[in-house]
Every structure is written in C-alpha cells, then in structure tokens.
Protein backbone atom coordinates (compact mmCIF):
# COMPACT_ATOMS: atom_id res chain seq x y z
CA LYS A 1 1.65 -8.45 115.80
CA SER A 2 -0.55 -10.84 117.74
CA THR A 3 -4.26 -10.18 117.99
CA PHE A 4 -4.46 -12.42 121.06
CA SER A 5 -4.34 -11.24 124.65
CA SER A 6 -1.21 -11.93 126.67
CA ILE A 7 -2.99 -14.66 128.64
CA VAL A 8 -3.87 -16.57 125.45
CA VAL A 9 -0.35 -16.09 124.08
CA GLU A 10 1.15 -17.46 127.31
CA PHE A 11 -1.34 -20.35 127.34
CA ASN A 12 -0.31 -21.21 123.78
CA LYS A 13 3.38 -21.19 124.75
CA LEU A 14 2.65 -23.58 127.61
CA ILE A 15 0.69 -26.08 125.52
CA GLU A 16 3.41 -26.05 122.85
CA ASP A 17 6.14 -26.65 125.45
CA ILE A 18 6.89 -30.38 125.26
CA THR A 19 8.19 -30.36 128.84
CA VAL A 20 4.72 -29.40 130.12
CA THR A 21 2.44 -32.44 130.11
CA LYS A 22 -0.52 -31.06 132.01
CA ARG A 23 -3.91 -32.42 130.99
CA PHE A 24 -6.45 -30.10 132.55
CA VAL A 25 -7.46 -26.45 132.16
CA LYS A 26 -7.12 -25.93 135.92
CA ASP A 27 -3.45 -26.95 135.75
CA TYR A 28 -2.68 -24.37 133.06
CA ALA A 29 -4.75 -21.74 134.87
CA GLU A 30 -2.63 -22.28 138.00
CA LEU A 31 0.57 -21.85 135.96
CA LEU A 32 -0.84 -18.59 134.58
CA PHE A 33 -2.19 -17.37 137.95
CA VAL A 34 -5.79 -17.09 136.75
CA SER A 35 -8.96 -19.08 137.38
CA ALA A 36 -9.83 -21.99 135.12
CA ASN A 37 -13.09 -20.27 134.17
CA TYR A 38 -11.31 -17.07 133.16
CA LEU A 39 -8.72 -18.93 131.09
CA ASN A 40 -11.40 -20.97 129.35
CA GLU A 41 -13.52 -17.87 128.61
CA ARG A 42 -10.56 -15.90 127.17
CA VAL A 43 -9.33 -18.80 125.03
CA LYS A 44 -12.82 -19.56 123.70
CA LEU A 45 -13.56 -15.90 123.01
CA GLU A 46 -10.30 -15.39 121.12
CA THR A 47 -9.95 -18.74 119.30
CA GLY A 48 -13.49 -20.06 119.04
CA LYS A 49 -12.53 -23.25 120.90
CA PRO A 50 -12.28 -23.94 124.64
CA ALA A 51 -8.91 -24.35 126.33
CA SER A 52 -9.52 -28.09 126.75
CA PHE A 53 -9.72 -28.48 122.95
CA TRP A 54 -6.24 -26.97 122.54
CA ILE A 55 -4.82 -28.95 125.47
CA ASN A 56 -6.17 -32.24 124.07
CA ASN A 57 -4.96 -31.37 120.57
CA SER A 58 -1.45 -30.69 121.87
CA LEU A 59 -1.44 -33.91 123.92
CA ILE A 60 -2.51 -35.97 120.91
CA ILE A 61 0.31 -34.48 118.82
CA GLN A 62 2.87 -35.23 121.53
CA ILE A 63 1.55 -38.77 122.07
CA LYS A 64 1.66 -39.45 118.32
CA LYS A 65 5.31 -38.38 118.25
CA VAL A 66 6.17 -40.73 121.10
CA LEU A 67 4.25 -43.59 119.49
CA THR A 68 6.02 -43.22 116.16
CA GLN A 69 9.49 -42.19 117.35
CA SER A 70 10.05 -44.52 120.30
CA THR A 71 9.50 -48.05 121.49
CA LYS A 72 8.01 -46.98 124.83
CA THR A 73 5.22 -49.17 126.13
CA LEU A 74 1.71 -47.81 126.58
CA LYS A 75 2.29 -47.96 130.32
CA GLU A 76 5.39 -45.77 130.00
CA ILE A 77 3.55 -43.32 127.74
CA ALA A 78 0.58 -43.21 130.11
CA VAL A 79 2.86 -42.32 133.03
CA GLU A 80 4.74 -39.72 130.96
CA PHE A 81 1.52 -37.90 130.06
CA GLY A 82 -0.20 -38.19 133.43
CA PHE A 83 -2.81 -40.84 132.66
CA SER A 84 -3.90 -43.07 135.54
CA SER A 85 -3.51 -46.23 133.45
CA PRO A 86 -2.70 -47.46 129.95
CA ALA A 87 -6.44 -48.14 129.47
CA HIS A 88 -7.22 -44.49 130.18
CA LEU A 89 -4.61 -43.43 127.61
CA VAL A 90 -6.13 -45.82 125.04
CA ARG A 91 -9.65 -44.41 125.67
CA PHE A 92 -8.41 -40.82 125.40
CA PHE A 93 -6.49 -41.51 122.19
CA LYS A 94 -9.31 -43.49 120.58
CA THR A 95 -11.87 -40.80 121.48
CA HIS A 96 -9.81 -38.15 119.72
CA GLN A 97 -8.33 -40.18 116.84
CA HIS A 98 -10.89 -42.96 116.26
CA ILE A 99 -8.03 -45.46 116.30
CA THR A 100 -6.15 -47.15 119.13
CA PRO A 101 -2.56 -46.15 119.91
CA GLN A 102 -1.42 -49.66 119.01
CA VAL A 103 -3.00 -49.51 115.54
CA PHE A 104 -1.70 -45.97 115.04
CA ARG A 105 1.84 -47.09 115.95
CA LYS A 106 1.72 -50.06 113.55
CA LYS A 107 0.33 -47.91 110.76
CA PHE A 108 2.68 -44.93 111.08
CA SER A 109 5.94 -46.20 112.61
CA PHE A 110 8.97 -46.83 110.47
C-alpha cells in the first residue's frame, strides 16, 4: 500500500508516462487540476525533493534512451522534448549529467 497521497501518486504516473513530455511543474499541476505551489509542496513533503527534481530526472532518463536507441538529431530531440533549441537541450543535459548529449551518445550507443 502506498504511503503517498493520491496527488503524488498521480504526479508520479504522469512523469513516468513516456507520452507526456512536459518540462515544468506548472504543466503537471494543470494536468492534475492543482496549483503549481501545492503540487511542489506535496511532492517535496512526501519525497524530500521538489517536483522539478523528479520532472528533470524523468526527462534525462527519456533523453538518454532516445540518444542511445535512435539516430535522431539533437534538433529533433529538442523539439520532441519541448526545448526551444538544440543549444538549450545541450545546456539542460550538461547541467544534469556533466557531459554533453553528443559525448554521451558516442560513449553509450551501440
């Protein structure tokens, strides 16, 4: 039995859904019909990390899969995940992984 509230359980389902590529807490809050502040407070209270941490973590996992399992360009990946440009995707990825998407792809692709 889950020790998390229904809002946190539903949030978790959304961030694990690969068809949902939202990047911001406000976007998930809208899908859950709550305010961004409320969602962030509940998630942080129950998990110890803010909602943005879990959103970014999920995005990184999904981007890594695309980088290693496809030949999509950075521009295509940026569009798929809602980044304004490939440069923005590179900055986001490097901030969270301390490596560029290009180096990651070369290192971990088959």
